[in-house]
């Protein structure tokens, strides 16, 4: 079975907090994540994106995510 990943924005929406809070918690090591380097395509800065696996979240957030999928 393939792992499902959330972006920082999706996780912030799921938890009901800001993206900056999630980024800070990632840097503190609270969330397990994969870092992906994004190349610049057109205007913009590129940079690092974080992908958080659903399996690394606590059970409460996992069930909340599953409920949103079915809704």
C-alpha atoms as a PDB file:
ATOM      1  CA  UNK A   1       0.000   0.000   0.000  1.00  0.00           C
ATOM      2  CA  UNK A   2       1.306   3.413  -0.927  1.00  0.00           C
ATOM      3  CA  UNK A   3       1.827   6.029   1.796  1.00  0.00           C
ATOM      4  CA  UNK A   4      -0.289   9.206   1.660  1.00  0.00           C
ATOM      5  CA  UNK A   5       1.458  12.506   2.341  1.00  0.00           C
ATOM      6  CA  UNK A   6       0.175  15.898   3.461  1.00  0.00           C
ATOM      7  CA  UNK A   7       1.644  19.273   2.666  1.00  0.00           C
ATOM      8  CA  UNK A   8       2.273  21.827   5.401  1.00  0.00           C
ATOM      9  CA  UNK A   9      -0.863  23.712   4.342  1.00  0.00           C
ATOM     10  CA  UNK A  10      -3.033  20.582   4.423  1.00  0.00           C
ATOM     11  CA  UNK A  11      -1.751  19.603   7.870  1.00  0.00           C
ATOM     12  CA  UNK A  12      -2.315  23.145   9.184  1.00  0.00           C
ATOM     13  CA  UNK A  13      -5.923  23.022   7.917  1.00  0.00           C
ATOM     14  CA  UNK A  14      -6.395  19.602   9.498  1.00  0.00           C
ATOM     15  CA  UNK A  15      -5.028  20.742  12.888  1.00  0.00           C
ATOM     16  CA  UNK A  16      -6.684  24.167  12.748  1.00  0.00           C
ATOM     17  CA  UNK A  17      -3.439  26.140  13.112  1.00  0.00           C
ATOM     18  CA  UNK A  18      -1.105  28.206  10.941  1.00  0.00           C
ATOM     19  CA  UNK A  19       1.374  26.947   8.360  1.00  0.00           C
ATOM     20  CA  UNK A  20       4.166  28.726  10.210  1.00  0.00           C
ATOM     21  CA  UNK A  21       3.372  26.774  13.382  1.00  0.00           C
ATOM     22  CA  UNK A  22       3.639  23.479  11.457  1.00  0.00           C
ATOM     23  CA  UNK A  23       6.947  24.567   9.880  1.00  0.00           C
ATOM     24  CA  UNK A  24       8.310  25.446  13.309  1.00  0.00           C
ATOM     25  CA  UNK A  25       7.251  22.077  14.744  1.00  0.00           C
ATOM     26  CA  UNK A  26       8.901  20.299  11.785  1.00  0.00           C
ATOM     27  CA  UNK A  27      12.165  22.124  12.444  1.00  0.00           C
ATOM     28  CA  UNK A  28      11.912  21.184  16.140  1.00  0.00           C
ATOM     29  CA  UNK A  29      11.554  17.520  15.130  1.00  0.00           C
ATOM     30  CA  UNK A  30       7.972  17.137  16.334  1.00  0.00           C
ATOM     31  CA  UNK A  31       6.713  15.892  12.948  1.00  0.00           C
ATOM     32  CA  UNK A  32       8.466  13.304  10.792  1.00  0.00           C
ATOM     33  CA  UNK A  33       8.644  14.530   7.212  1.00  0.00           C
ATOM     34  CA  UNK A  34      10.398  14.270   3.874  1.00  0.00           C
ATOM     35  CA  UNK A  35      12.117  17.303   2.417  1.00  0.00           C
ATOM     36  CA  UNK A  36      11.817  17.876  -1.320  1.00  0.00           C
ATOM     37  CA  UNK A  37      13.876  20.496  -3.106  1.00  0.00           C
ATOM     38  CA  UNK A  38      11.744  22.438  -5.565  1.00  0.00           C
ATOM     39  CA  UNK A  39      13.461  23.960  -8.570  1.00  0.00           C
ATOM     40  CA  UNK A  40      12.424  27.413  -9.693  1.00  0.00           C
ATOM     41  CA  UNK A  41      10.079  27.349 -12.672  1.00  0.00           C
ATOM     42  CA  UNK A  42       9.195  30.819 -13.838  1.00  0.00           C
ATOM     43  CA  UNK A  43       8.860  33.655 -11.339  1.00  0.00           C
ATOM     44  CA  UNK A  44       9.218  32.623  -7.734  1.00  0.00           C
ATOM     45  CA  UNK A  45      11.890  31.416  -5.398  1.00  0.00           C
ATOM     46  CA  UNK A  46      11.683  27.630  -5.319  1.00  0.00           C
ATOM     47  CA  UNK A  47      13.016  26.098  -2.107  1.00  0.00           C
ATOM     48  CA  UNK A  48      12.204  23.238   0.234  1.00  0.00           C
ATOM     49  CA  UNK A  49       8.803  21.569   0.536  1.00  0.00           C
ATOM     50  CA  UNK A  50       7.889  19.313   3.425  1.00  0.00           C
ATOM     51  CA  UNK A  51       5.699  16.215   3.002  1.00  0.00           C
ATOM     52  CA  UNK A  52       4.307  14.652   6.166  1.00  0.00           C
ATOM     53  CA  UNK A  53       3.214  10.986   5.963  1.00  0.00           C
ATOM     54  CA  UNK A  54      -0.232  10.244   7.370  1.00  0.00           C
ATOM     55  CA  UNK A  55       1.185   7.256   9.259  1.00  0.00           C
ATOM     56  CA  UNK A  56       3.475   9.552  11.281  1.00  0.00           C
ATOM     57  CA  UNK A  57       0.545  11.527  12.709  1.00  0.00           C
ATOM     58  CA  UNK A  58      -1.277  10.632  15.907  1.00  0.00           C
ATOM     59  CA  UNK A  59      -4.426   8.519  15.677  1.00  0.00           C
ATOM     60  CA  UNK A  60      -6.732  11.484  16.288  1.00  0.00           C
ATOM     61  CA  UNK A  61      -5.397  13.368  13.249  1.00  0.00           C
ATOM     62  CA  UNK A  62      -5.431  10.221  11.132  1.00  0.00           C
ATOM     63  CA  UNK A  63      -9.111   9.633  11.856  1.00  0.00           C
ATOM     64  CA  UNK A  64      -9.919  13.310  11.218  1.00  0.00           C
ATOM     65  CA  UNK A  65      -8.165  13.032   7.831  1.00  0.00           C
ATOM     66  CA  UNK A  66     -10.127   9.880   6.929  1.00  0.00           C
ATOM     67  CA  UNK A  67     -13.428  11.560   7.874  1.00  0.00           C
ATOM     68  CA  UNK A  68     -12.614  14.505   5.583  1.00  0.00           C
ATOM     69  CA  UNK A  69     -11.936  12.116   2.701  1.00  0.00           C
ATOM     70  CA  UNK A  70     -15.367  10.535   3.000  1.00  0.00           C
ATOM     71  CA  UNK A  71     -17.224  13.834   3.436  1.00  0.00           C
END
